[in-house]
Amino acid sequence: MKYLPDRSILWALAAGVVLALSFPRPDLSPLAWIGLVPLLLVMHRRPFATGFAAGVGFFSLVLYWLNIVMTTYGQMHPIFSVVAYLLLVGYLALFFAVATWTACQLQARRALPLLLTLPVVWVGLEFLRSFLLSGFPWALLGYSQQNREVLLQSADLFGVYGLSFLIVLVNVALADLLRWLRHRQGGAPWLGAAVAAGLIAATAGYGLVRLGGD
C-alpha cells in the first residue's frame, strides 16, 4: 500500500505558500485576505501540525533571500547557511503552530469561536516574535499590504498589528462562511462576515479621509 501524505498537511502547506505570495515579490497583496482559508478549513484535524506546515510553507518562501545574504555577504559556507535557514524557518513556523493549536483548544474546551480568538492570539504571537530571543519582526501579516496606501493609513492608530488582526479576522470569517455553505449546519455566520466587512470598510474609509486631508 502506497503512502499518501495527510491531505490536511498538504492543504496547510499550500495555505502558507499562497500567503507568502502576498509579500514582495511577487507582491500579490490581495492573496493575504484568503491565504489562510485552506489552513482554517483543515486545522481542527491536527491543529499543531497543520499550523506548523503552513508556517514552513510561508517562511521558506518569504525568507528565501537569507541564503543569499549569508553566503554572499556573510561568507558562510552554503551547507551551514542552509542549515541555519532551515532552523530559522522551523523556529518561526512554531508561531503559526502555537496560534492554530491555541485557538482550536479554546474552541474545543471553552466553546470560543475562532473569530474571537485566532486574530487576538495571532497578533499576540506576532508581537512576541518581534522581541523574543532578540526578535524577528520580519513578515508580519500586516506588511503584506505595503502597496495598499489606503489601508496603510490605519497604521498610525494600530500599527502593523492592526492590519494583521484584520487580515486574520477576514480569513476566519471567509472560512466560517465556506464551512457553512458546505455543511449547512447551525446558523449562518453572517454576523462574522458583517463584522469583517464593516471593519474593512471602516479601515478603507479612514484611509480615504487621511489621504484626502493630505
N, C-alpha and C. Protein backbone atom coordinates (compact mmCIF):
# COMPACT_ATOMS: atom_id res chain seq x y z
N MET A 1 0.84 -1.20 0.00
CA MET A 1 0.00 0.00 0.00
C MET A 1 0.87 1.24 0.00
N LYS A 2 0.65 2.10 -0.95
CA LYS A 2 1.45 3.29 -1.08
C LYS A 2 1.11 4.29 0.02
N TYR A 3 2.15 4.98 0.47
CA TYR A 3 1.96 6.00 1.50
C TYR A 3 1.43 7.27 0.85
N LEU A 4 0.35 7.79 1.37
CA LEU A 4 -0.23 9.03 0.88
C LEU A 4 -0.11 10.11 1.95
N PRO A 5 0.44 11.27 1.60
CA PRO A 5 0.58 12.34 2.58
C PRO A 5 -0.78 12.77 3.13
N ASP A 6 -0.80 13.18 4.37
CA ASP A 6 -2.01 13.68 5.01
C ASP A 6 -2.49 14.90 4.23
N ARG A 7 -3.73 14.85 3.76
CA ARG A 7 -4.24 15.96 2.95
C ARG A 7 -4.32 17.26 3.75
N SER A 8 -4.60 17.14 5.04
CA SER A 8 -4.70 18.35 5.84
C SER A 8 -3.35 19.06 5.90
N ILE A 9 -2.26 18.30 5.94
CA ILE A 9 -0.92 18.89 5.95
C ILE A 9 -0.64 19.55 4.60
N LEU A 10 -1.04 18.89 3.53
CA LEU A 10 -0.82 19.45 2.20
C LEU A 10 -1.60 20.75 2.01
N TRP A 11 -2.85 20.76 2.47
CA TRP A 11 -3.65 21.98 2.36
C TRP A 11 -3.04 23.10 3.20
N ALA A 12 -2.56 22.77 4.38
CA ALA A 12 -1.94 23.76 5.24
C ALA A 12 -0.66 24.32 4.61
N LEU A 13 0.14 23.43 4.03
CA LEU A 13 1.36 23.86 3.35
C LEU A 13 1.02 24.78 2.19
N ALA A 14 -0.03 24.43 1.43
CA ALA A 14 -0.47 25.27 0.32
C ALA A 14 -0.92 26.64 0.81
N ALA A 15 -1.59 26.68 1.97
CA ALA A 15 -2.02 27.95 2.54
C ALA A 15 -0.83 28.84 2.84
N GLY A 16 0.23 28.26 3.40
CA GLY A 16 1.43 29.04 3.68
C GLY A 16 2.07 29.59 2.42
N VAL A 17 2.08 28.79 1.37
CA VAL A 17 2.66 29.23 0.10
C VAL A 17 1.85 30.38 -0.49
N VAL A 18 0.53 30.23 -0.50
CA VAL A 18 -0.34 31.29 -1.03
C VAL A 18 -0.16 32.58 -0.23
N LEU A 19 -0.09 32.44 1.08
CA LEU A 19 0.09 33.61 1.93
C LEU A 19 1.42 34.29 1.63
N ALA A 20 2.45 33.52 1.37
CA ALA A 20 3.77 34.08 1.07
C ALA A 20 3.75 34.89 -0.23
N LEU A 21 2.91 34.50 -1.18
CA LEU A 21 2.85 35.20 -2.45
C LEU A 21 2.29 36.61 -2.31
N SER A 22 1.69 36.92 -1.17
CA SER A 22 1.17 38.28 -0.96
C SER A 22 2.27 39.25 -0.58
N PHE A 23 3.46 38.72 -0.29
CA PHE A 23 4.60 39.56 0.09
C PHE A 23 5.49 39.82 -1.12
N PRO A 24 6.29 40.88 -1.07
CA PRO A 24 7.27 41.11 -2.15
C PRO A 24 8.31 40.00 -2.16
N ARG A 25 8.68 39.59 -3.31
CA ARG A 25 7.93 39.54 -4.51
C ARG A 25 7.28 38.19 -4.63
N PRO A 26 6.15 38.00 -5.31
CA PRO A 26 5.54 38.82 -6.36
C PRO A 26 4.61 39.92 -5.87
N ASP A 27 4.42 40.07 -4.56
CA ASP A 27 3.66 41.20 -4.04
C ASP A 27 2.19 41.16 -4.44
N LEU A 28 1.58 39.97 -4.38
CA LEU A 28 0.16 39.82 -4.70
C LEU A 28 -0.64 39.99 -3.41
N SER A 29 -0.70 41.23 -2.93
CA SER A 29 -1.26 41.52 -1.61
C SER A 29 -2.69 41.04 -1.38
N PRO A 30 -3.57 41.01 -2.39
CA PRO A 30 -4.93 40.50 -2.13
C PRO A 30 -4.97 39.06 -1.63
N LEU A 31 -3.93 38.28 -1.94
CA LEU A 31 -3.92 36.88 -1.52
C LEU A 31 -3.86 36.73 -0.01
N ALA A 32 -3.37 37.75 0.69
CA ALA A 32 -3.31 37.67 2.15
C ALA A 32 -4.69 37.53 2.77
N TRP A 33 -5.72 38.08 2.11
CA TRP A 33 -7.07 38.08 2.65
C TRP A 33 -7.76 36.73 2.50
N ILE A 34 -7.18 35.82 1.71
CA ILE A 34 -7.75 34.48 1.53
C ILE A 34 -6.74 33.37 1.78
N GLY A 35 -5.47 33.74 1.96
CA GLY A 35 -4.41 32.74 2.03
C GLY A 35 -4.53 31.76 3.18
N LEU A 36 -5.09 32.19 4.29
CA LEU A 36 -5.21 31.32 5.46
C LEU A 36 -6.42 30.39 5.40
N VAL A 37 -7.32 30.62 4.47
CA VAL A 37 -8.57 29.86 4.44
C VAL A 37 -8.35 28.36 4.32
N PRO A 38 -7.47 27.88 3.42
CA PRO A 38 -7.27 26.42 3.36
C PRO A 38 -6.80 25.84 4.69
N LEU A 39 -5.93 26.56 5.39
CA LEU A 39 -5.48 26.10 6.70
C LEU A 39 -6.64 26.07 7.69
N LEU A 40 -7.45 27.10 7.70
CA LEU A 40 -8.55 27.19 8.66
C LEU A 40 -9.59 26.11 8.45
N LEU A 41 -9.72 25.63 7.24
CA LEU A 41 -10.72 24.60 6.94
C LEU A 41 -10.28 23.20 7.39
N VAL A 42 -8.97 23.01 7.60
CA VAL A 42 -8.49 21.67 7.94
C VAL A 42 -7.77 21.60 9.28
N MET A 43 -7.50 22.72 9.91
CA MET A 43 -6.60 22.71 11.06
C MET A 43 -7.18 21.99 12.28
N HIS A 44 -8.50 21.80 12.35
CA HIS A 44 -9.07 21.12 13.51
C HIS A 44 -8.66 19.65 13.57
N ARG A 45 -8.27 19.09 12.45
CA ARG A 45 -7.86 17.69 12.44
C ARG A 45 -6.53 17.51 13.17
N ARG A 46 -5.60 18.40 12.89
CA ARG A 46 -4.27 18.34 13.51
C ARG A 46 -3.82 19.78 13.74
N PRO A 47 -4.30 20.42 14.79
CA PRO A 47 -4.08 21.85 14.99
C PRO A 47 -2.62 22.28 14.98
N PHE A 48 -1.78 21.56 15.69
CA PHE A 48 -0.37 21.98 15.76
C PHE A 48 0.37 21.67 14.47
N ALA A 49 0.19 20.46 13.95
CA ALA A 49 0.92 20.03 12.76
C ALA A 49 0.55 20.86 11.53
N THR A 50 -0.73 21.15 11.37
CA THR A 50 -1.14 21.94 10.21
C THR A 50 -0.64 23.38 10.31
N GLY A 51 -0.68 23.94 11.51
CA GLY A 51 -0.16 25.29 11.69
C GLY A 51 1.33 25.34 11.39
N PHE A 52 2.05 24.32 11.84
CA PHE A 52 3.49 24.25 11.57
C PHE A 52 3.75 24.12 10.07
N ALA A 53 2.98 23.28 9.40
CA ALA A 53 3.16 23.10 7.95
C ALA A 53 2.91 24.41 7.20
N ALA A 54 1.88 25.14 7.60
CA ALA A 54 1.60 26.42 6.97
C ALA A 54 2.75 27.39 7.22
N GLY A 55 3.28 27.38 8.43
CA GLY A 55 4.42 28.25 8.73
C GLY A 55 5.64 27.91 7.91
N VAL A 56 5.90 26.62 7.72
CA VAL A 56 7.04 26.20 6.91
C VAL A 56 6.87 26.67 5.46
N GLY A 57 5.66 26.48 4.91
CA GLY A 57 5.41 26.92 3.55
C GLY A 57 5.56 28.42 3.41
N PHE A 58 5.12 29.15 4.42
CA PHE A 58 5.18 30.61 4.38
C PHE A 58 6.60 31.14 4.52
N PHE A 59 7.26 30.77 5.59
CA PHE A 59 8.58 31.35 5.87
C PHE A 59 9.66 30.85 4.93
N SER A 60 9.52 29.62 4.42
CA SER A 60 10.53 29.12 3.50
C SER A 60 10.57 29.94 2.22
N LEU A 61 9.44 30.51 1.81
CA LEU A 61 9.41 31.36 0.62
C LEU A 61 9.73 32.81 0.95
N VAL A 62 9.13 33.32 2.00
CA VAL A 62 9.32 34.74 2.33
C VAL A 62 10.78 35.05 2.67
N LEU A 63 11.46 34.08 3.27
CA LEU A 63 12.84 34.30 3.71
C LEU A 63 13.87 33.67 2.79
N TYR A 64 13.52 33.47 1.52
CA TYR A 64 14.44 32.84 0.57
C TYR A 64 15.76 33.61 0.47
N TRP A 65 15.71 34.91 0.68
CA TRP A 65 16.86 35.77 0.49
C TRP A 65 17.94 35.58 1.56
N LEU A 66 17.61 34.93 2.65
CA LEU A 66 18.59 34.77 3.72
C LEU A 66 19.82 33.98 3.29
N ASN A 67 19.61 32.96 2.47
CA ASN A 67 20.76 32.19 1.99
C ASN A 67 21.70 33.04 1.15
N ILE A 68 21.13 33.93 0.36
CA ILE A 68 21.95 34.83 -0.45
C ILE A 68 22.77 35.75 0.43
N VAL A 69 22.12 36.31 1.45
CA VAL A 69 22.81 37.22 2.36
C VAL A 69 23.93 36.50 3.11
N MET A 70 23.62 35.32 3.64
CA MET A 70 24.61 34.61 4.47
C MET A 70 25.82 34.15 3.68
N THR A 71 25.60 33.73 2.42
CA THR A 71 26.73 33.24 1.63
C THR A 71 27.48 34.37 0.93
N THR A 72 26.74 35.38 0.44
CA THR A 72 27.38 36.46 -0.32
C THR A 72 28.05 37.47 0.58
N TYR A 73 27.35 37.90 1.62
CA TYR A 73 27.88 38.96 2.48
C TYR A 73 28.45 38.42 3.79
N GLY A 74 27.95 37.30 4.26
CA GLY A 74 28.47 36.73 5.49
C GLY A 74 29.57 35.72 5.27
N GLN A 75 29.84 35.41 3.99
CA GLN A 75 30.89 34.45 3.64
C GLN A 75 30.70 33.10 4.35
N MET A 76 29.45 32.73 4.57
CA MET A 76 29.17 31.45 5.22
C MET A 76 29.16 30.33 4.19
N HIS A 77 29.63 29.17 4.59
CA HIS A 77 29.60 28.01 3.69
C HIS A 77 28.15 27.69 3.35
N PRO A 78 27.86 27.35 2.07
CA PRO A 78 26.47 27.07 1.68
C PRO A 78 25.76 26.02 2.54
N ILE A 79 26.48 25.00 2.97
CA ILE A 79 25.85 23.96 3.80
C ILE A 79 25.38 24.54 5.12
N PHE A 80 26.25 25.35 5.74
CA PHE A 80 25.89 25.95 7.02
C PHE A 80 24.77 26.97 6.87
N SER A 81 24.77 27.69 5.75
CA SER A 81 23.71 28.68 5.53
C SER A 81 22.36 28.00 5.36
N VAL A 82 22.35 26.85 4.68
CA VAL A 82 21.09 26.10 4.50
C VAL A 82 20.60 25.58 5.84
N VAL A 83 21.51 25.07 6.66
CA VAL A 83 21.13 24.57 7.98
C VAL A 83 20.56 25.69 8.84
N ALA A 84 21.23 26.85 8.83
CA ALA A 84 20.75 28.00 9.61
C ALA A 84 19.38 28.47 9.11
N TYR A 85 19.22 28.47 7.80
CA TYR A 85 17.95 28.87 7.18
C TYR A 85 16.82 27.93 7.59
N LEU A 86 17.06 26.63 7.53
CA LEU A 86 16.04 25.65 7.89
C LEU A 86 15.67 25.72 9.37
N LEU A 87 16.68 25.94 10.21
CA LEU A 87 16.41 26.06 11.64
C LEU A 87 15.56 27.29 11.92
N LEU A 88 15.86 28.39 11.24
CA LEU A 88 15.08 29.61 11.44
C LEU A 88 13.65 29.43 10.95
N VAL A 89 13.49 28.80 9.79
CA VAL A 89 12.15 28.55 9.26
C VAL A 89 11.36 27.68 10.23
N GLY A 90 12.00 26.64 10.77
CA GLY A 90 11.31 25.78 11.72
C GLY A 90 10.92 26.51 12.99
N TYR A 91 11.81 27.35 13.47
CA TYR A 91 11.52 28.14 14.68
C TYR A 91 10.34 29.08 14.45
N LEU A 92 10.36 29.80 13.34
CA LEU A 92 9.28 30.76 13.06
C LEU A 92 7.95 30.05 12.79
N ALA A 93 8.02 28.86 12.18
CA ALA A 93 6.79 28.11 11.92
C ALA A 93 6.09 27.71 13.21
N LEU A 94 6.85 27.63 14.30
CA LEU A 94 6.24 27.30 15.59
C LEU A 94 5.22 28.35 16.02
N PHE A 95 5.41 29.59 15.62
CA PHE A 95 4.45 30.64 15.99
C PHE A 95 3.10 30.41 15.31
N PHE A 96 3.12 29.97 14.06
CA PHE A 96 1.88 29.59 13.38
C PHE A 96 1.24 28.41 14.11
N ALA A 97 2.07 27.42 14.46
CA ALA A 97 1.55 26.20 15.09
C ALA A 97 0.91 26.51 16.44
N VAL A 98 1.56 27.35 17.23
CA VAL A 98 1.02 27.70 18.54
C VAL A 98 -0.28 28.47 18.39
N ALA A 99 -0.36 29.33 17.39
CA ALA A 99 -1.59 30.12 17.16
C ALA A 99 -2.76 29.21 16.83
N THR A 100 -2.59 28.29 15.90
CA THR A 100 -3.69 27.41 15.50
C THR A 100 -4.06 26.44 16.63
N TRP A 101 -3.04 25.91 17.31
CA TRP A 101 -3.31 24.98 18.40
C TRP A 101 -4.07 25.67 19.53
N THR A 102 -3.64 26.86 19.90
CA THR A 102 -4.29 27.59 20.99
C THR A 102 -5.73 27.92 20.65
N ALA A 103 -5.96 28.41 19.44
CA ALA A 103 -7.32 28.78 19.04
C ALA A 103 -8.23 27.55 19.02
N CYS A 104 -7.71 26.43 18.53
CA CYS A 104 -8.51 25.21 18.49
C CYS A 104 -8.81 24.69 19.90
N GLN A 105 -7.85 24.81 20.81
CA GLN A 105 -8.08 24.40 22.19
C GLN A 105 -9.14 25.27 22.86
N LEU A 106 -9.10 26.55 22.61
CA LEU A 106 -10.09 27.45 23.19
C LEU A 106 -11.48 27.18 22.64
N GLN A 107 -11.53 26.77 21.38
CA GLN A 107 -12.83 26.44 20.79
C GLN A 107 -13.36 25.13 21.34
N ALA A 108 -12.48 24.13 21.49
CA ALA A 108 -12.91 22.81 21.95
C ALA A 108 -13.26 22.80 23.44
N ARG A 109 -12.49 23.51 24.25
CA ARG A 109 -12.66 23.43 25.70
C ARG A 109 -13.51 24.56 26.28
N ARG A 110 -13.51 25.71 25.60
CA ARG A 110 -14.25 26.86 26.12
C ARG A 110 -15.37 27.33 25.20
N ALA A 111 -15.52 26.63 24.07
CA ALA A 111 -16.56 26.97 23.10
C ALA A 111 -16.42 28.41 22.59
N LEU A 112 -15.18 28.87 22.52
CA LEU A 112 -14.93 30.22 22.00
C LEU A 112 -14.69 30.13 20.49
N PRO A 113 -15.43 30.88 19.70
CA PRO A 113 -15.27 30.80 18.25
C PRO A 113 -13.93 31.34 17.78
N LEU A 114 -13.45 30.80 16.67
CA LEU A 114 -12.17 31.23 16.12
C LEU A 114 -12.18 32.71 15.78
N LEU A 115 -13.34 33.22 15.41
CA LEU A 115 -13.42 34.63 15.03
C LEU A 115 -13.01 35.55 16.19
N LEU A 116 -13.24 35.08 17.42
CA LEU A 116 -12.87 35.88 18.58
C LEU A 116 -11.45 35.62 19.05
N THR A 117 -10.98 34.40 18.86
CA THR A 117 -9.70 34.02 19.46
C THR A 117 -8.51 34.09 18.52
N LEU A 118 -8.64 33.56 17.31
CA LEU A 118 -7.46 33.45 16.45
C LEU A 118 -6.83 34.79 16.10
N PRO A 119 -7.61 35.83 15.73
CA PRO A 119 -6.96 37.12 15.45
C PRO A 119 -6.17 37.66 16.63
N VAL A 120 -6.73 37.50 17.83
CA VAL A 120 -6.05 38.00 19.03
C VAL A 120 -4.78 37.19 19.31
N VAL A 121 -4.89 35.87 19.27
CA VAL A 121 -3.74 35.01 19.52
C VAL A 121 -2.66 35.24 18.47
N TRP A 122 -3.07 35.35 17.23
CA TRP A 122 -2.11 35.52 16.14
C TRP A 122 -1.32 36.81 16.32
N VAL A 123 -2.02 37.90 16.59
CA VAL A 123 -1.34 39.19 16.75
C VAL A 123 -0.47 39.19 18.01
N GLY A 124 -0.95 38.55 19.07
CA GLY A 124 -0.14 38.45 20.27
C GLY A 124 1.17 37.73 20.02
N LEU A 125 1.12 36.67 19.22
CA LEU A 125 2.34 35.93 18.90
C LEU A 125 3.23 36.69 17.94
N GLU A 126 2.64 37.47 17.03
CA GLU A 126 3.46 38.33 16.18
C GLU A 126 4.22 39.35 17.02
N PHE A 127 3.53 39.92 18.00
CA PHE A 127 4.19 40.87 18.89
C PHE A 127 5.30 40.20 19.68
N LEU A 128 5.03 39.00 20.18
CA LEU A 128 6.04 38.25 20.92
C LEU A 128 7.25 37.95 20.03
N ARG A 129 6.99 37.57 18.81
CA ARG A 129 8.07 37.25 17.87
C ARG A 129 8.95 38.46 17.59
N SER A 130 8.40 39.65 17.72
CA SER A 130 9.16 40.85 17.40
C SER A 130 10.28 41.15 18.39
N PHE A 131 10.23 40.54 19.58
CA PHE A 131 11.29 40.80 20.55
C PHE A 131 11.85 39.54 21.22
N LEU A 132 11.17 38.41 21.13
CA LEU A 132 11.64 37.18 21.78
C LEU A 132 12.95 36.72 21.15
N LEU A 133 13.92 36.35 21.99
CA LEU A 133 15.24 35.88 21.52
C LEU A 133 15.87 36.89 20.57
N SER A 134 15.84 38.13 20.97
CA SER A 134 16.37 39.30 20.23
C SER A 134 15.42 39.78 19.13
N GLY A 135 14.39 38.99 18.84
CA GLY A 135 13.32 39.45 17.95
C GLY A 135 13.57 39.15 16.48
N PHE A 136 12.47 38.86 15.78
CA PHE A 136 12.50 38.67 14.33
C PHE A 136 11.17 39.19 13.78
N PRO A 137 11.06 40.52 13.61
CA PRO A 137 9.77 41.12 13.22
C PRO A 137 9.50 41.14 11.73
N TRP A 138 10.28 40.41 10.94
CA TRP A 138 10.03 40.36 9.51
C TRP A 138 8.74 39.58 9.22
N ALA A 139 8.11 39.92 8.10
CA ALA A 139 6.99 39.15 7.54
C ALA A 139 5.78 39.06 8.46
N LEU A 140 5.52 40.11 9.25
CA LEU A 140 4.24 40.18 9.95
C LEU A 140 3.15 40.33 8.89
N LEU A 141 1.98 39.74 9.12
CA LEU A 141 0.96 39.71 8.07
C LEU A 141 0.59 41.09 7.55
N GLY A 142 0.57 42.07 8.44
CA GLY A 142 0.20 43.43 8.01
C GLY A 142 1.12 44.00 6.96
N TYR A 143 2.37 43.55 6.92
CA TYR A 143 3.32 44.07 5.94
C TYR A 143 2.96 43.65 4.51
N SER A 144 2.12 42.64 4.37
CA SER A 144 1.71 42.21 3.03
C SER A 144 0.94 43.30 2.29
N GLN A 145 0.43 44.27 3.03
CA GLN A 145 -0.38 45.33 2.42
C GLN A 145 0.45 46.60 2.17
N GLN A 146 1.76 46.44 2.06
CA GLN A 146 2.63 47.60 1.93
C GLN A 146 2.38 48.43 0.67
N ASN A 147 1.71 47.86 -0.32
CA ASN A 147 1.40 48.62 -1.52
C ASN A 147 -0.04 49.12 -1.55
N ARG A 148 -0.78 48.93 -0.45
CA ARG A 148 -2.16 49.37 -0.36
C ARG A 148 -2.22 50.65 0.48
N GLU A 149 -2.05 51.77 -0.18
CA GLU A 149 -1.90 53.04 0.52
C GLU A 149 -3.10 53.37 1.39
N VAL A 150 -4.28 53.06 0.91
CA VAL A 150 -5.49 53.38 1.67
C VAL A 150 -5.53 52.60 2.99
N LEU A 151 -5.23 51.32 2.93
CA LEU A 151 -5.27 50.50 4.14
C LEU A 151 -4.13 50.85 5.10
N LEU A 152 -3.02 51.28 4.57
CA LEU A 152 -1.86 51.57 5.41
C LEU A 152 -2.09 52.75 6.35
N GLN A 153 -3.03 53.61 6.03
CA GLN A 153 -3.25 54.80 6.86
C GLN A 153 -3.67 54.44 8.29
N SER A 154 -4.29 53.29 8.46
CA SER A 154 -4.73 52.89 9.80
C SER A 154 -3.56 52.52 10.70
N ALA A 155 -2.37 52.38 10.12
CA ALA A 155 -1.20 52.01 10.92
C ALA A 155 -0.85 53.09 11.94
N ASP A 156 -1.28 54.33 11.70
CA ASP A 156 -0.98 55.37 12.68
C ASP A 156 -1.84 55.21 13.94
N LEU A 157 -2.86 54.36 13.86
CA LEU A 157 -3.70 54.09 15.02
C LEU A 157 -3.33 52.79 15.71
N PHE A 158 -3.13 51.75 14.91
CA PHE A 158 -2.94 50.41 15.47
C PHE A 158 -1.63 49.75 15.07
N GLY A 159 -0.83 50.43 14.28
CA GLY A 159 0.42 49.84 13.83
C GLY A 159 0.18 48.71 12.84
N VAL A 160 1.23 47.98 12.53
CA VAL A 160 1.12 46.87 11.61
C VAL A 160 0.25 45.76 12.19
N TYR A 161 0.18 45.70 13.52
CA TYR A 161 -0.60 44.64 14.17
C TYR A 161 -2.10 44.79 13.92
N GLY A 162 -2.55 46.02 13.73
CA GLY A 162 -3.95 46.23 13.41
C GLY A 162 -4.32 45.60 12.07
N LEU A 163 -3.44 45.76 11.08
CA LEU A 163 -3.69 45.14 9.78
C LEU A 163 -3.59 43.62 9.87
N SER A 164 -2.64 43.11 10.65
CA SER A 164 -2.54 41.66 10.84
C SER A 164 -3.84 41.12 11.44
N PHE A 165 -4.34 41.80 12.45
CA PHE A 165 -5.59 41.40 13.09
C PHE A 165 -6.72 41.35 12.08
N LEU A 166 -6.83 42.38 11.25
CA LEU A 166 -7.92 42.45 10.28
C LEU A 166 -7.79 41.35 9.23
N ILE A 167 -6.58 41.08 8.79
CA ILE A 167 -6.37 40.04 7.78
C ILE A 167 -6.78 38.67 8.31
N VAL A 168 -6.38 38.36 9.54
CA VAL A 168 -6.76 37.07 10.13
C VAL A 168 -8.26 37.00 10.33
N LEU A 169 -8.84 38.08 10.80
CA LEU A 169 -10.29 38.12 11.02
C LEU A 169 -11.06 37.85 9.73
N VAL A 170 -10.65 38.46 8.66
CA VAL A 170 -11.32 38.26 7.37
C VAL A 170 -11.17 36.81 6.91
N ASN A 171 -9.98 36.26 7.05
CA ASN A 171 -9.77 34.86 6.67
C ASN A 171 -10.67 33.92 7.47
N VAL A 172 -10.79 34.17 8.78
CA VAL A 172 -11.65 33.32 9.61
C VAL A 172 -13.11 33.45 9.19
N ALA A 173 -13.55 34.68 8.94
CA ALA A 173 -14.94 34.90 8.52
C ALA A 173 -15.23 34.18 7.21
N LEU A 174 -14.30 34.22 6.27
CA LEU A 174 -14.49 33.53 4.99
C LEU A 174 -14.52 32.02 5.18
N ALA A 175 -13.62 31.52 6.02
CA ALA A 175 -13.59 30.07 6.27
C ALA A 175 -14.88 29.60 6.93
N ASP A 176 -15.39 30.38 7.89
CA ASP A 176 -16.65 30.03 8.55
C ASP A 176 -17.80 30.00 7.54
N LEU A 177 -17.80 30.96 6.64
CA LEU A 177 -18.86 31.03 5.64
C LEU A 177 -18.78 29.85 4.67
N LEU A 178 -17.58 29.51 4.23
CA LEU A 178 -17.41 28.37 3.33
C LEU A 178 -17.80 27.06 4.00
N ARG A 179 -17.45 26.93 5.27
CA ARG A 179 -17.79 25.72 6.01
C ARG A 179 -19.30 25.57 6.14
N TRP A 180 -19.98 26.68 6.38
CA TRP A 180 -21.44 26.64 6.50
C TRP A 180 -22.09 26.33 5.15
N LEU A 181 -21.58 26.91 4.08
CA LEU A 181 -22.13 26.66 2.76
C LEU A 181 -21.98 25.20 2.36
N ARG A 182 -20.94 24.57 2.87
CA ARG A 182 -20.69 23.16 2.54
C ARG A 182 -21.56 22.23 3.33
N HIS A 183 -21.72 22.49 4.63
CA HIS A 183 -22.42 21.55 5.50
C HIS A 183 -23.84 21.98 5.86
N ARG A 184 -24.11 23.27 5.79
CA ARG A 184 -25.45 23.79 6.11
C ARG A 184 -25.90 23.37 7.50
N GLN A 185 -24.98 23.42 8.44
CA GLN A 185 -25.32 23.05 9.82
C GLN A 185 -25.14 24.26 10.73
N GLY A 186 -26.12 24.44 11.62
CA GLY A 186 -26.05 25.58 12.52
C GLY A 186 -26.46 26.86 11.82
N GLY A 187 -26.37 27.95 12.54
CA GLY A 187 -26.73 29.22 11.96
C GLY A 187 -25.67 29.74 11.01
N ALA A 188 -26.09 30.44 10.01
CA ALA A 188 -25.16 31.02 9.04
C ALA A 188 -24.30 32.08 9.72
N PRO A 189 -23.01 32.09 9.43
CA PRO A 189 -22.09 33.01 10.11
C PRO A 189 -22.12 34.41 9.51
N TRP A 190 -23.32 34.93 9.32
CA TRP A 190 -23.42 36.25 8.69
C TRP A 190 -22.88 37.35 9.59
N LEU A 191 -23.00 37.17 10.90
CA LEU A 191 -22.51 38.21 11.81
C LEU A 191 -21.01 38.40 11.66
N GLY A 192 -20.28 37.29 11.62
CA GLY A 192 -18.83 37.38 11.45
C GLY A 192 -18.47 38.04 10.13
N ALA A 193 -19.18 37.65 9.07
CA ALA A 193 -18.91 38.25 7.76
C ALA A 193 -19.22 39.74 7.78
N ALA A 194 -20.30 40.10 8.46
CA ALA A 194 -20.68 41.52 8.53
C ALA A 194 -19.66 42.32 9.32
N VAL A 195 -19.16 41.75 10.42
CA VAL A 195 -18.14 42.43 11.22
C VAL A 195 -16.87 42.63 10.40
N ALA A 196 -16.45 41.58 9.70
CA ALA A 196 -15.24 41.68 8.88
C ALA A 196 -15.41 42.73 7.79
N ALA A 197 -16.56 42.70 7.12
CA ALA A 197 -16.81 43.68 6.06
C ALA A 197 -16.87 45.09 6.62
N GLY A 198 -17.48 45.24 7.79
CA GLY A 198 -17.57 46.55 8.41
C GLY A 198 -16.22 47.11 8.79
N LEU A 199 -15.34 46.25 9.31
CA LEU A 199 -14.00 46.71 9.70
C LEU A 199 -13.16 47.07 8.48
N ILE A 200 -13.32 46.31 7.41
CA ILE A 200 -12.60 46.66 6.17
C ILE A 200 -13.08 48.01 5.66
N ALA A 201 -14.40 48.20 5.67
CA ALA A 201 -14.96 49.47 5.20
C ALA A 201 -14.48 50.63 6.07
N ALA A 202 -14.45 50.41 7.37
CA ALA A 202 -14.00 51.46 8.27
C ALA A 202 -12.53 51.79 8.05
N THR A 203 -11.72 50.75 7.86
CA THR A 203 -10.29 50.96 7.62
C THR A 203 -10.05 51.70 6.32
N ALA A 204 -10.77 51.27 5.26
CA ALA A 204 -10.62 51.95 3.97
C ALA A 204 -11.15 53.38 4.04
N GLY A 205 -12.27 53.57 4.74
CA GLY A 205 -12.82 54.91 4.88
C GLY A 205 -11.87 55.84 5.60
N TYR A 206 -11.26 55.34 6.67
CA TYR A 206 -10.30 56.15 7.41
C TYR A 206 -9.11 56.52 6.51
N GLY A 207 -8.67 55.54 5.71
CA GLY A 207 -7.56 55.81 4.81
C GLY A 207 -7.89 56.86 3.78
N LEU A 208 -9.10 56.80 3.23
CA LEU A 208 -9.51 57.79 2.24
C LEU A 208 -9.59 59.18 2.84
N VAL A 209 -10.08 59.25 4.07
CA VAL A 209 -10.16 60.55 4.75
C VAL A 209 -8.77 61.11 4.97
N ARG A 210 -7.87 60.27 5.44
CA ARG A 210 -6.50 60.71 5.70
C ARG A 210 -5.81 61.17 4.42
N LEU A 211 -5.96 60.40 3.38
CA LEU A 211 -5.33 60.76 2.11
C LEU A 211 -5.96 62.01 1.51
N GLY A 212 -7.27 62.13 1.70
CA GLY A 212 -7.95 63.32 1.20
C GLY A 212 -7.54 64.58 1.95
N GLY A 213 -7.20 64.41 3.22
CA GLY A 213 -6.78 65.56 4.03
C GLY A 213 -5.38 66.01 3.71
N ASP A 214 -4.56 65.12 3.11
CA ASP A 214 -3.18 65.46 2.76
C ASP A 214 -3.17 66.21 1.46
